[in-house]
N, C-alpha and C. Protein backbone atom coordinates (compact mmCIF):
# COMPACT_ATOMS: atom_id res chain seq x y z
N UNK A 1 -56.66 170.43 -86.16
CA UNK A 1 -58.08 170.14 -86.21
C UNK A 1 -58.33 169.26 -87.42
N UNK A 2 -59.06 168.18 -87.25
CA UNK A 2 -59.36 167.30 -88.37
C UNK A 2 -60.51 167.87 -89.18
N UNK A 3 -60.68 167.35 -90.40
CA UNK A 3 -61.77 167.80 -91.25
C UNK A 3 -63.12 167.52 -90.58
N UNK A 4 -63.24 166.38 -89.91
CA UNK A 4 -64.49 166.05 -89.22
C UNK A 4 -64.77 167.04 -88.10
N UNK A 5 -63.75 167.37 -87.31
CA UNK A 5 -63.93 168.34 -86.24
C UNK A 5 -64.30 169.70 -86.81
N UNK A 6 -63.66 170.09 -87.92
CA UNK A 6 -63.96 171.36 -88.56
C UNK A 6 -65.41 171.39 -89.02
N UNK A 7 -65.85 170.31 -89.65
CA UNK A 7 -67.24 170.25 -90.12
C UNK A 7 -68.20 170.37 -88.95
N UNK A 8 -67.94 169.64 -87.87
CA UNK A 8 -68.84 169.70 -86.71
C UNK A 8 -68.91 171.11 -86.15
N UNK A 9 -67.78 171.79 -86.08
CA UNK A 9 -67.80 173.15 -85.55
C UNK A 9 -68.53 174.09 -86.50
N UNK A 10 -68.40 173.87 -87.80
CA UNK A 10 -69.11 174.71 -88.76
C UNK A 10 -70.62 174.55 -88.64
N UNK A 11 -71.07 173.32 -88.39
CA UNK A 11 -72.50 173.07 -88.35
C UNK A 11 -73.13 173.51 -87.05
N UNK A 12 -72.31 173.89 -86.07
CA UNK A 12 -72.84 174.42 -84.83
C UNK A 12 -73.33 175.86 -85.04
N UNK A 13 -72.80 176.56 -86.05
CA UNK A 13 -73.21 177.93 -86.33
C UNK A 13 -74.56 177.92 -87.02
N UNK A 14 -75.58 178.55 -86.43
CA UNK A 14 -76.93 178.43 -86.97
C UNK A 14 -77.21 179.22 -88.23
N UNK A 15 -76.52 180.32 -88.49
CA UNK A 15 -76.91 181.17 -89.62
C UNK A 15 -75.90 181.14 -90.76
N UNK A 16 -74.64 181.36 -90.48
CA UNK A 16 -73.64 181.43 -91.54
C UNK A 16 -72.76 180.19 -91.46
N UNK A 17 -72.67 179.52 -92.57
CA UNK A 17 -71.82 178.34 -92.64
C UNK A 17 -70.86 178.56 -93.79
N UNK A 18 -69.58 178.32 -93.56
CA UNK A 18 -68.59 178.43 -94.61
C UNK A 18 -68.06 177.04 -94.85
N UNK A 19 -68.11 176.61 -96.10
CA UNK A 19 -67.67 175.28 -96.47
C UNK A 19 -66.43 175.38 -97.30
N UNK A 20 -65.50 174.51 -97.09
CA UNK A 20 -64.38 174.44 -98.01
C UNK A 20 -63.79 173.05 -97.99
N UNK A 21 -63.19 172.71 -99.08
CA UNK A 21 -62.49 171.44 -99.17
C UNK A 21 -61.09 171.71 -98.66
N UNK A 22 -60.77 171.18 -97.51
CA UNK A 22 -59.50 171.47 -96.87
C UNK A 22 -58.73 170.19 -96.63
N UNK A 23 -57.60 170.34 -95.95
CA UNK A 23 -56.79 169.23 -95.46
C UNK A 23 -56.51 168.22 -96.54
N UNK A 24 -57.00 167.00 -96.38
CA UNK A 24 -56.63 165.91 -97.27
C UNK A 24 -57.18 166.07 -98.68
N UNK A 25 -58.19 166.89 -98.87
CA UNK A 25 -58.77 167.01 -100.21
C UNK A 25 -58.20 168.19 -101.00
N UNK A 26 -57.37 169.00 -100.39
CA UNK A 26 -56.72 170.09 -101.13
C UNK A 26 -57.49 171.38 -101.06
N UNK A 27 -56.87 172.42 -101.56
CA UNK A 27 -57.48 173.75 -101.50
C UNK A 27 -58.50 173.94 -102.60
N UNK A 28 -59.54 174.66 -102.30
CA UNK A 28 -60.58 174.97 -103.28
C UNK A 28 -61.27 176.25 -102.84
N UNK A 29 -62.09 176.78 -103.72
CA UNK A 29 -62.86 177.97 -103.36
C UNK A 29 -63.85 177.60 -102.27
N UNK A 30 -63.98 178.45 -101.28
CA UNK A 30 -64.94 178.23 -100.20
C UNK A 30 -66.31 178.69 -100.67
N UNK A 31 -67.32 178.01 -100.20
CA UNK A 31 -68.69 178.40 -100.49
C UNK A 31 -69.35 178.77 -99.17
N UNK A 32 -69.91 179.95 -99.13
CA UNK A 32 -70.60 180.41 -97.92
C UNK A 32 -72.08 180.57 -98.25
N UNK A 33 -72.92 180.46 -97.22
CA UNK A 33 -74.35 180.63 -97.42
C UNK A 33 -75.02 180.88 -96.08
N UNK A 34 -76.26 181.33 -96.15
CA UNK A 34 -77.09 181.52 -94.97
C UNK A 34 -78.03 180.32 -94.87
N UNK A 35 -78.05 179.70 -93.70
CA UNK A 35 -78.93 178.55 -93.48
C UNK A 35 -80.33 179.06 -93.18
N UNK A 36 -81.32 178.65 -93.97
CA UNK A 36 -82.69 179.13 -93.75
C UNK A 36 -83.27 178.62 -92.42
N UNK A 37 -84.17 179.40 -91.84
CA UNK A 37 -84.85 178.96 -90.62
C UNK A 37 -85.59 177.65 -90.86
N UNK A 38 -85.54 176.76 -89.88
CA UNK A 38 -86.25 175.50 -89.96
C UNK A 38 -85.44 174.35 -90.53
N UNK A 39 -84.33 174.66 -91.17
CA UNK A 39 -83.46 173.60 -91.70
C UNK A 39 -82.67 173.01 -90.55
N UNK A 40 -82.61 171.69 -90.47
CA UNK A 40 -81.91 171.02 -89.39
C UNK A 40 -80.58 170.48 -89.94
N UNK A 41 -79.49 171.03 -89.44
CA UNK A 41 -78.16 170.63 -89.88
C UNK A 41 -77.79 169.28 -89.30
N UNK A 42 -77.10 168.47 -90.09
CA UNK A 42 -76.59 167.20 -89.58
C UNK A 42 -75.18 166.99 -90.12
N UNK A 43 -74.43 166.13 -89.46
CA UNK A 43 -73.05 165.87 -89.87
C UNK A 43 -73.05 165.20 -91.23
N UNK A 44 -72.18 165.64 -92.14
CA UNK A 44 -72.09 165.00 -93.46
C UNK A 44 -71.74 163.52 -93.32
N UNK A 45 -72.39 162.70 -94.14
CA UNK A 45 -72.22 161.24 -94.04
C UNK A 45 -71.09 160.69 -94.90
N UNK A 46 -70.44 161.55 -95.69
CA UNK A 46 -69.29 161.10 -96.48
C UNK A 46 -68.39 162.31 -96.76
N UNK A 47 -67.18 162.04 -97.22
CA UNK A 47 -66.23 163.12 -97.46
C UNK A 47 -66.62 164.01 -98.65
N UNK A 48 -67.43 163.50 -99.56
CA UNK A 48 -67.86 164.32 -100.70
C UNK A 48 -69.03 165.23 -100.34
N UNK A 49 -69.64 164.97 -99.20
CA UNK A 49 -70.77 165.80 -98.74
C UNK A 49 -70.22 166.83 -97.78
N UNK A 50 -70.33 168.08 -98.15
CA UNK A 50 -69.79 169.13 -97.30
C UNK A 50 -70.85 169.77 -96.41
N UNK A 51 -72.12 169.50 -96.67
CA UNK A 51 -73.21 169.97 -95.81
C UNK A 51 -74.42 169.09 -96.06
N UNK A 52 -75.17 168.84 -94.99
CA UNK A 52 -76.42 168.08 -95.09
C UNK A 52 -77.44 168.68 -94.13
N UNK A 53 -78.67 168.71 -94.59
CA UNK A 53 -79.78 169.23 -93.79
C UNK A 53 -80.99 168.32 -93.94
N UNK A 54 -81.79 168.28 -92.90
CA UNK A 54 -83.10 167.65 -92.95
C UNK A 54 -84.13 168.76 -92.95
N UNK A 55 -85.14 168.64 -93.82
CA UNK A 55 -86.24 169.60 -93.87
C UNK A 55 -87.49 168.84 -93.44
N UNK A 56 -88.06 169.23 -92.30
CA UNK A 56 -89.20 168.48 -91.77
C UNK A 56 -90.35 168.36 -92.76
N UNK A 57 -90.96 167.19 -92.72
CA UNK A 57 -92.03 166.84 -93.67
C UNK A 57 -93.26 167.73 -93.55
N UNK A 58 -93.95 167.83 -94.66
CA UNK A 58 -95.24 168.53 -94.72
C UNK A 58 -96.31 167.58 -94.22
N UNK A 59 -97.42 168.15 -93.76
CA UNK A 59 -98.54 167.32 -93.33
C UNK A 59 -98.94 166.36 -94.45
N UNK A 60 -99.10 165.10 -94.11
CA UNK A 60 -99.53 164.09 -95.07
C UNK A 60 -98.39 163.35 -95.74
N UNK A 61 -97.16 163.85 -95.65
CA UNK A 61 -96.02 163.14 -96.24
C UNK A 61 -95.44 162.17 -95.21
N UNK A 62 -94.93 161.05 -95.69
CA UNK A 62 -94.43 159.99 -94.82
C UNK A 62 -93.00 160.22 -94.33
N UNK A 63 -92.27 161.12 -94.99
CA UNK A 63 -90.88 161.33 -94.58
C UNK A 63 -90.44 162.77 -94.84
N UNK A 64 -89.31 163.11 -94.22
CA UNK A 64 -88.71 164.42 -94.39
C UNK A 64 -88.00 164.51 -95.73
N UNK A 65 -87.60 165.70 -96.10
CA UNK A 65 -86.77 165.92 -97.28
C UNK A 65 -85.34 166.15 -96.81
N UNK A 66 -84.40 166.00 -97.73
CA UNK A 66 -82.99 166.21 -97.43
C UNK A 66 -82.39 167.20 -98.41
N UNK A 67 -81.50 168.04 -97.90
CA UNK A 67 -80.67 168.90 -98.74
C UNK A 67 -79.23 168.47 -98.51
N UNK A 68 -78.53 168.25 -99.61
CA UNK A 68 -77.13 167.86 -99.54
C UNK A 68 -76.32 168.77 -100.46
N UNK A 69 -75.16 169.21 -99.96
CA UNK A 69 -74.23 170.00 -100.76
C UNK A 69 -73.00 169.14 -100.97
N UNK A 70 -72.67 168.90 -102.23
CA UNK A 70 -71.54 168.05 -102.61
C UNK A 70 -70.42 168.88 -103.22
N UNK A 71 -69.19 168.43 -103.02
CA UNK A 71 -68.04 169.01 -103.71
C UNK A 71 -67.05 167.89 -103.97
N UNK A 72 -66.58 167.81 -105.21
CA UNK A 72 -65.61 166.80 -105.62
C UNK A 72 -64.37 167.53 -106.12
N UNK A 73 -63.31 167.60 -105.29
CA UNK A 73 -62.11 168.34 -105.69
C UNK A 73 -61.57 167.87 -107.04
N UNK A 74 -61.17 168.83 -107.86
CA UNK A 74 -60.58 168.52 -109.15
C UNK A 74 -61.58 168.23 -110.25
N UNK A 75 -62.86 168.20 -109.92
CA UNK A 75 -63.88 167.90 -110.93
C UNK A 75 -64.20 169.15 -111.73
N UNK A 76 -64.26 169.00 -113.04
CA UNK A 76 -64.69 170.13 -113.86
C UNK A 76 -66.20 170.06 -114.01
N UNK A 77 -66.80 171.16 -114.35
CA UNK A 77 -68.25 171.22 -114.43
C UNK A 77 -68.74 170.85 -115.83
N UNK A 78 -69.56 169.84 -115.90
CA UNK A 78 -70.30 169.52 -117.11
C UNK A 78 -71.76 169.57 -116.69
N UNK A 79 -72.33 170.75 -116.77
CA UNK A 79 -73.66 170.99 -116.25
C UNK A 79 -74.68 170.01 -116.84
N UNK A 80 -74.69 169.87 -118.17
CA UNK A 80 -75.70 169.03 -118.81
C UNK A 80 -75.57 167.57 -118.39
N UNK A 81 -74.36 167.09 -118.23
CA UNK A 81 -74.17 165.70 -117.80
C UNK A 81 -74.77 165.48 -116.41
N UNK A 82 -74.63 166.45 -115.53
CA UNK A 82 -75.22 166.32 -114.19
C UNK A 82 -76.74 166.39 -114.25
N UNK A 83 -77.27 167.30 -115.05
CA UNK A 83 -78.72 167.37 -115.20
C UNK A 83 -79.27 166.05 -115.73
N UNK A 84 -78.62 165.49 -116.74
CA UNK A 84 -79.07 164.22 -117.31
C UNK A 84 -79.02 163.09 -116.28
N UNK A 85 -77.96 163.07 -115.47
CA UNK A 85 -77.82 162.02 -114.44
C UNK A 85 -78.95 162.15 -113.43
N UNK A 86 -79.25 163.38 -113.00
CA UNK A 86 -80.32 163.57 -112.03
C UNK A 86 -81.68 163.23 -112.63
N UNK A 87 -81.91 163.61 -113.88
CA UNK A 87 -83.17 163.26 -114.54
C UNK A 87 -83.32 161.74 -114.59
N UNK A 88 -82.22 161.02 -114.82
CA UNK A 88 -82.24 159.57 -114.86
C UNK A 88 -82.56 158.91 -113.53
N UNK A 89 -82.59 159.69 -112.46
CA UNK A 89 -82.93 159.14 -111.14
C UNK A 89 -84.44 159.13 -110.90
N UNK A 90 -85.21 159.53 -111.93
CA UNK A 90 -86.66 159.55 -111.82
C UNK A 90 -87.30 158.80 -112.98
N UNK A 91 -88.41 158.15 -112.70
CA UNK A 91 -89.23 157.48 -113.71
C UNK A 91 -90.64 158.04 -113.60
N UNK A 92 -91.36 158.02 -114.71
CA UNK A 92 -92.73 158.53 -114.72
C UNK A 92 -93.72 157.37 -114.64
N UNK A 93 -94.76 157.50 -113.83
CA UNK A 93 -95.73 156.42 -113.67
C UNK A 93 -96.40 155.98 -114.97
N UNK A 94 -96.52 156.92 -115.92
CA UNK A 94 -97.17 156.58 -117.19
C UNK A 94 -96.16 156.11 -118.25
N UNK A 95 -94.89 156.00 -117.87
CA UNK A 95 -93.87 155.53 -118.79
C UNK A 95 -93.30 156.59 -119.71
N UNK A 96 -93.78 157.83 -119.60
CA UNK A 96 -93.26 158.90 -120.45
C UNK A 96 -91.83 159.26 -120.03
N UNK A 97 -91.16 160.01 -120.88
CA UNK A 97 -89.77 160.39 -120.62
C UNK A 97 -89.71 161.50 -119.57
N UNK A 98 -88.94 161.27 -118.52
CA UNK A 98 -88.77 162.27 -117.47
C UNK A 98 -88.15 163.55 -118.02
N UNK A 99 -87.24 163.41 -118.98
CA UNK A 99 -86.58 164.61 -119.52
C UNK A 99 -87.58 165.58 -120.16
N UNK A 100 -88.72 165.05 -120.64
CA UNK A 100 -89.72 165.92 -121.24
C UNK A 100 -90.51 166.70 -120.19
N UNK A 101 -90.46 166.25 -118.94
CA UNK A 101 -91.19 166.91 -117.86
C UNK A 101 -90.29 167.76 -116.96
N UNK A 102 -89.00 167.50 -117.01
CA UNK A 102 -88.05 168.22 -116.16
C UNK A 102 -87.96 169.67 -116.61
N UNK A 103 -87.77 170.55 -115.64
CA UNK A 103 -87.65 171.98 -115.93
C UNK A 103 -86.28 172.46 -115.46
N UNK A 104 -85.64 173.27 -116.30
CA UNK A 104 -84.37 173.86 -115.91
C UNK A 104 -84.48 175.38 -115.97
N UNK A 105 -83.68 176.01 -115.14
CA UNK A 105 -83.61 177.46 -115.12
C UNK A 105 -82.21 177.85 -114.65
N UNK A 106 -81.90 179.11 -114.79
CA UNK A 106 -80.61 179.61 -114.34
C UNK A 106 -80.82 180.83 -113.46
N UNK A 107 -79.85 181.06 -112.61
CA UNK A 107 -79.84 182.27 -111.82
C UNK A 107 -78.41 182.59 -111.46
N UNK A 108 -78.20 183.77 -110.95
CA UNK A 108 -76.87 184.18 -110.52
C UNK A 108 -76.96 184.64 -109.09
N UNK A 109 -76.01 184.23 -108.29
CA UNK A 109 -75.95 184.65 -106.90
C UNK A 109 -74.53 185.12 -106.61
N UNK A 110 -74.38 186.38 -106.32
CA UNK A 110 -73.07 186.95 -105.95
C UNK A 110 -72.00 186.58 -106.98
N UNK A 111 -72.35 186.65 -108.26
CA UNK A 111 -71.41 186.37 -109.34
C UNK A 111 -71.25 184.90 -109.68
N UNK A 112 -71.96 184.01 -109.01
CA UNK A 112 -71.88 182.57 -109.28
C UNK A 112 -73.02 182.17 -110.21
N UNK A 113 -72.69 181.46 -111.27
CA UNK A 113 -73.71 180.92 -112.18
C UNK A 113 -74.28 179.65 -111.56
N UNK A 114 -75.61 179.58 -111.53
CA UNK A 114 -76.30 178.42 -110.95
C UNK A 114 -77.31 177.92 -111.97
N UNK A 115 -77.24 176.62 -112.24
CA UNK A 115 -78.23 175.98 -113.10
C UNK A 115 -79.08 175.10 -112.20
N UNK A 116 -80.40 175.27 -112.28
CA UNK A 116 -81.34 174.59 -111.39
C UNK A 116 -82.22 173.63 -112.19
N UNK A 117 -82.40 172.43 -111.64
CA UNK A 117 -83.28 171.42 -112.22
C UNK A 117 -84.43 171.17 -111.26
N UNK A 118 -85.64 171.04 -111.79
CA UNK A 118 -86.83 170.69 -111.02
C UNK A 118 -87.43 169.46 -111.70
N UNK A 119 -87.46 168.33 -110.99
CA UNK A 119 -87.95 167.09 -111.58
C UNK A 119 -88.81 166.34 -110.58
N UNK A 120 -89.89 165.72 -111.08
CA UNK A 120 -90.81 164.96 -110.23
C UNK A 120 -91.05 163.59 -110.83
N UNK A 121 -91.62 162.71 -110.02
CA UNK A 121 -91.96 161.36 -110.47
C UNK A 121 -91.64 160.35 -109.38
N UNK A 122 -91.30 159.14 -109.81
CA UNK A 122 -90.88 158.10 -108.88
C UNK A 122 -89.37 158.13 -108.78
N UNK A 123 -88.87 158.33 -107.57
CA UNK A 123 -87.43 158.40 -107.32
C UNK A 123 -86.87 156.98 -107.37
N UNK A 124 -86.00 156.72 -108.35
CA UNK A 124 -85.47 155.37 -108.58
C UNK A 124 -83.94 155.34 -108.58
N UNK A 125 -83.32 156.31 -107.92
CA UNK A 125 -81.85 156.36 -107.87
C UNK A 125 -81.30 155.14 -107.14
N UNK A 126 -80.01 154.86 -107.37
CA UNK A 126 -79.34 153.80 -106.63
C UNK A 126 -79.36 154.16 -105.15
N UNK A 127 -79.53 153.16 -104.30
CA UNK A 127 -79.53 153.37 -102.86
C UNK A 127 -78.19 153.93 -102.41
N UNK A 128 -77.11 153.45 -103.00
CA UNK A 128 -75.77 154.01 -102.81
C UNK A 128 -75.04 153.86 -104.13
N UNK A 129 -74.03 154.70 -104.39
CA UNK A 129 -73.35 154.63 -105.69
C UNK A 129 -72.86 153.22 -106.02
N UNK A 130 -73.22 152.75 -107.21
CA UNK A 130 -72.81 151.43 -107.67
C UNK A 130 -73.68 150.29 -107.17
N UNK A 131 -74.68 150.59 -106.36
CA UNK A 131 -75.54 149.56 -105.80
C UNK A 131 -76.52 149.02 -106.85
N UNK A 132 -76.84 147.75 -106.73
CA UNK A 132 -77.86 147.15 -107.59
C UNK A 132 -79.25 147.47 -107.05
N UNK A 133 -79.32 147.90 -105.79
CA UNK A 133 -80.60 148.25 -105.18
C UNK A 133 -80.95 149.70 -105.51
N UNK A 134 -82.23 149.92 -105.82
CA UNK A 134 -82.72 151.24 -106.18
C UNK A 134 -83.89 151.63 -105.29
N UNK A 135 -84.02 152.93 -105.05
CA UNK A 135 -85.20 153.43 -104.36
C UNK A 135 -86.42 153.21 -105.26
N UNK A 136 -87.58 153.20 -104.67
CA UNK A 136 -88.85 153.17 -105.39
C UNK A 136 -89.80 154.06 -104.60
N UNK A 137 -89.70 155.37 -104.83
CA UNK A 137 -90.46 156.33 -104.04
C UNK A 137 -91.31 157.19 -104.95
N UNK A 138 -92.57 156.79 -105.16
CA UNK A 138 -93.46 157.59 -106.01
C UNK A 138 -93.78 158.94 -105.36
N UNK A 139 -94.13 159.91 -106.19
CA UNK A 139 -94.54 161.22 -105.70
C UNK A 139 -93.41 162.05 -105.14
N UNK A 140 -92.18 161.79 -105.58
CA UNK A 140 -91.03 162.54 -105.10
C UNK A 140 -90.70 163.70 -106.04
N UNK A 141 -89.92 164.60 -105.51
CA UNK A 141 -89.49 165.77 -106.28
C UNK A 141 -88.04 166.06 -105.91
N UNK A 142 -87.28 166.51 -106.88
CA UNK A 142 -85.89 166.92 -106.64
C UNK A 142 -85.67 168.30 -107.24
N UNK A 143 -85.08 169.16 -106.44
CA UNK A 143 -84.55 170.42 -106.92
C UNK A 143 -83.04 170.27 -106.79
N UNK A 144 -82.34 170.35 -107.90
CA UNK A 144 -80.89 170.13 -107.88
C UNK A 144 -80.21 171.27 -108.62
N UNK A 145 -79.06 171.69 -108.11
CA UNK A 145 -78.37 172.83 -108.68
C UNK A 145 -76.89 172.54 -108.87
N UNK A 146 -76.36 173.03 -109.98
CA UNK A 146 -74.92 173.06 -110.21
C UNK A 146 -74.49 174.50 -109.97
N UNK A 147 -73.58 174.69 -109.02
CA UNK A 147 -73.09 176.02 -108.65
C UNK A 147 -71.64 176.11 -109.11
N UNK A 148 -71.39 176.97 -110.08
CA UNK A 148 -70.05 177.08 -110.65
C UNK A 148 -69.24 178.11 -109.86
N UNK A 149 -68.17 177.62 -109.20
CA UNK A 149 -67.28 178.49 -108.42
C UNK A 149 -65.90 178.46 -109.05
N UNK A 150 -65.04 179.42 -108.72
CA UNK A 150 -63.68 179.43 -109.26
C UNK A 150 -62.89 178.15 -108.91
N UNK A 151 -63.23 177.49 -107.82
CA UNK A 151 -62.52 176.28 -107.40
C UNK A 151 -63.15 175.00 -107.89
N UNK A 152 -64.20 175.11 -108.69
CA UNK A 152 -64.89 173.93 -109.20
C UNK A 152 -66.35 173.96 -108.80
N UNK A 153 -67.14 173.06 -109.37
CA UNK A 153 -68.58 173.09 -109.11
C UNK A 153 -68.96 172.47 -107.77
N UNK A 154 -69.96 173.07 -107.17
CA UNK A 154 -70.65 172.48 -106.03
C UNK A 154 -71.99 172.00 -106.56
N UNK A 155 -72.53 170.97 -105.93
CA UNK A 155 -73.81 170.41 -106.34
C UNK A 155 -74.73 170.42 -105.13
N UNK A 156 -75.94 170.94 -105.31
CA UNK A 156 -76.89 171.06 -104.22
C UNK A 156 -78.15 170.31 -104.63
N UNK A 157 -78.61 169.40 -103.76
CA UNK A 157 -79.81 168.63 -104.06
C UNK A 157 -80.79 168.68 -102.91
N UNK A 158 -82.03 168.99 -103.22
CA UNK A 158 -83.16 168.88 -102.30
C UNK A 158 -84.03 167.77 -102.84
N UNK A 159 -84.17 166.69 -102.07
CA UNK A 159 -84.95 165.54 -102.52
C UNK A 159 -85.92 165.13 -101.42
N UNK A 160 -87.16 164.85 -101.82
CA UNK A 160 -88.14 164.39 -100.84
C UNK A 160 -89.52 164.28 -101.44
N UNK A 161 -90.50 163.96 -100.61
CA UNK A 161 -91.89 163.89 -101.08
C UNK A 161 -92.32 165.24 -101.65
N UNK A 162 -93.17 165.20 -102.65
CA UNK A 162 -93.57 166.40 -103.38
C UNK A 162 -94.08 167.54 -102.52
N UNK A 163 -94.99 167.24 -101.59
CA UNK A 163 -95.55 168.31 -100.74
C UNK A 163 -94.47 168.93 -99.85
N UNK A 164 -93.57 168.08 -99.35
CA UNK A 164 -92.52 168.59 -98.48
C UNK A 164 -91.56 169.49 -99.25
N UNK A 165 -91.18 169.08 -100.45
CA UNK A 165 -90.30 169.92 -101.26
C UNK A 165 -91.00 171.24 -101.58
N UNK A 166 -92.28 171.19 -101.92
CA UNK A 166 -93.03 172.42 -102.20
C UNK A 166 -93.08 173.33 -100.98
N UNK A 167 -93.22 172.74 -99.79
CA UNK A 167 -93.25 173.52 -98.54
C UNK A 167 -91.97 174.32 -98.36
N UNK A 168 -90.83 173.76 -98.78
CA UNK A 168 -89.53 174.38 -98.55
C UNK A 168 -88.98 175.08 -99.80
N UNK A 169 -89.76 175.21 -100.85
CA UNK A 169 -89.30 175.79 -102.10
C UNK A 169 -88.75 177.21 -101.92
N UNK A 170 -89.48 178.07 -101.24
CA UNK A 170 -89.02 179.45 -101.07
C UNK A 170 -87.71 179.52 -100.29
N UNK A 171 -87.58 178.70 -99.24
CA UNK A 171 -86.34 178.75 -98.45
C UNK A 171 -85.18 178.15 -99.25
N UNK A 172 -85.45 177.17 -100.11
CA UNK A 172 -84.39 176.61 -100.95
C UNK A 172 -83.90 177.67 -101.93
N UNK A 173 -84.83 178.40 -102.53
CA UNK A 173 -84.43 179.47 -103.45
C UNK A 173 -83.64 180.56 -102.71
N UNK A 174 -84.04 180.89 -101.49
CA UNK A 174 -83.30 181.88 -100.70
C UNK A 174 -81.90 181.35 -100.38
N UNK A 175 -81.80 180.07 -100.09
CA UNK A 175 -80.51 179.44 -99.84
C UNK A 175 -79.60 179.58 -101.06
N UNK A 176 -80.12 179.26 -102.24
CA UNK A 176 -79.32 179.38 -103.46
C UNK A 176 -78.90 180.82 -103.70
N UNK A 177 -79.80 181.77 -103.46
CA UNK A 177 -79.47 183.18 -103.69
C UNK A 177 -78.45 183.70 -102.68
N UNK A 178 -78.29 183.00 -101.55
CA UNK A 178 -77.32 183.44 -100.55
C UNK A 178 -75.91 182.89 -100.83
N UNK A 179 -75.77 181.96 -101.77
CA UNK A 179 -74.47 181.36 -102.04
C UNK A 179 -73.47 182.39 -102.52
N UNK A 180 -72.26 182.27 -101.98
CA UNK A 180 -71.20 183.19 -102.35
C UNK A 180 -69.86 182.55 -102.04
N UNK A 181 -68.83 183.02 -102.71
CA UNK A 181 -67.48 182.53 -102.42
C UNK A 181 -67.06 183.16 -101.10
N UNK A 182 -66.60 182.30 -100.18
CA UNK A 182 -66.23 182.76 -98.84
C UNK A 182 -64.90 183.41 -98.87
């Protein structure tokens, strides 16, 4: 079974999904979680993305939000460096520093340490890694988490229009609390 076939079969399961870096990327700790109701699973668009979901937009928002779970085999966790990188993907309309408005918190789920970032503003991340083109999406919000597992960190990002992210906040928190080593 190829990694792509494995991923497709995993995403067919509506409630429990077990993710792991297998085959060509090597062995790592598996991450399991419960998929919240209303989240729409889609096939990962790259090998570093081990899960992707669409969260339907809130009334008045122009687009849906996305949740992506990333894993980079062999990467060590530098939590602050990731928080800083994600904060740098936002600009404030009044020119103030995004880092002064960003909020961080921590939680534990089934023995896993999770650091959570909540940041709002204009989403100005690169359209793709290394691209000269950047998004320009005012009124966006990102909830991003570094999940420390024995096999290395997983990264979880919920990005979308502010109202849509707020609509899915409780289910995102439930998702994080369901994370566990498979």
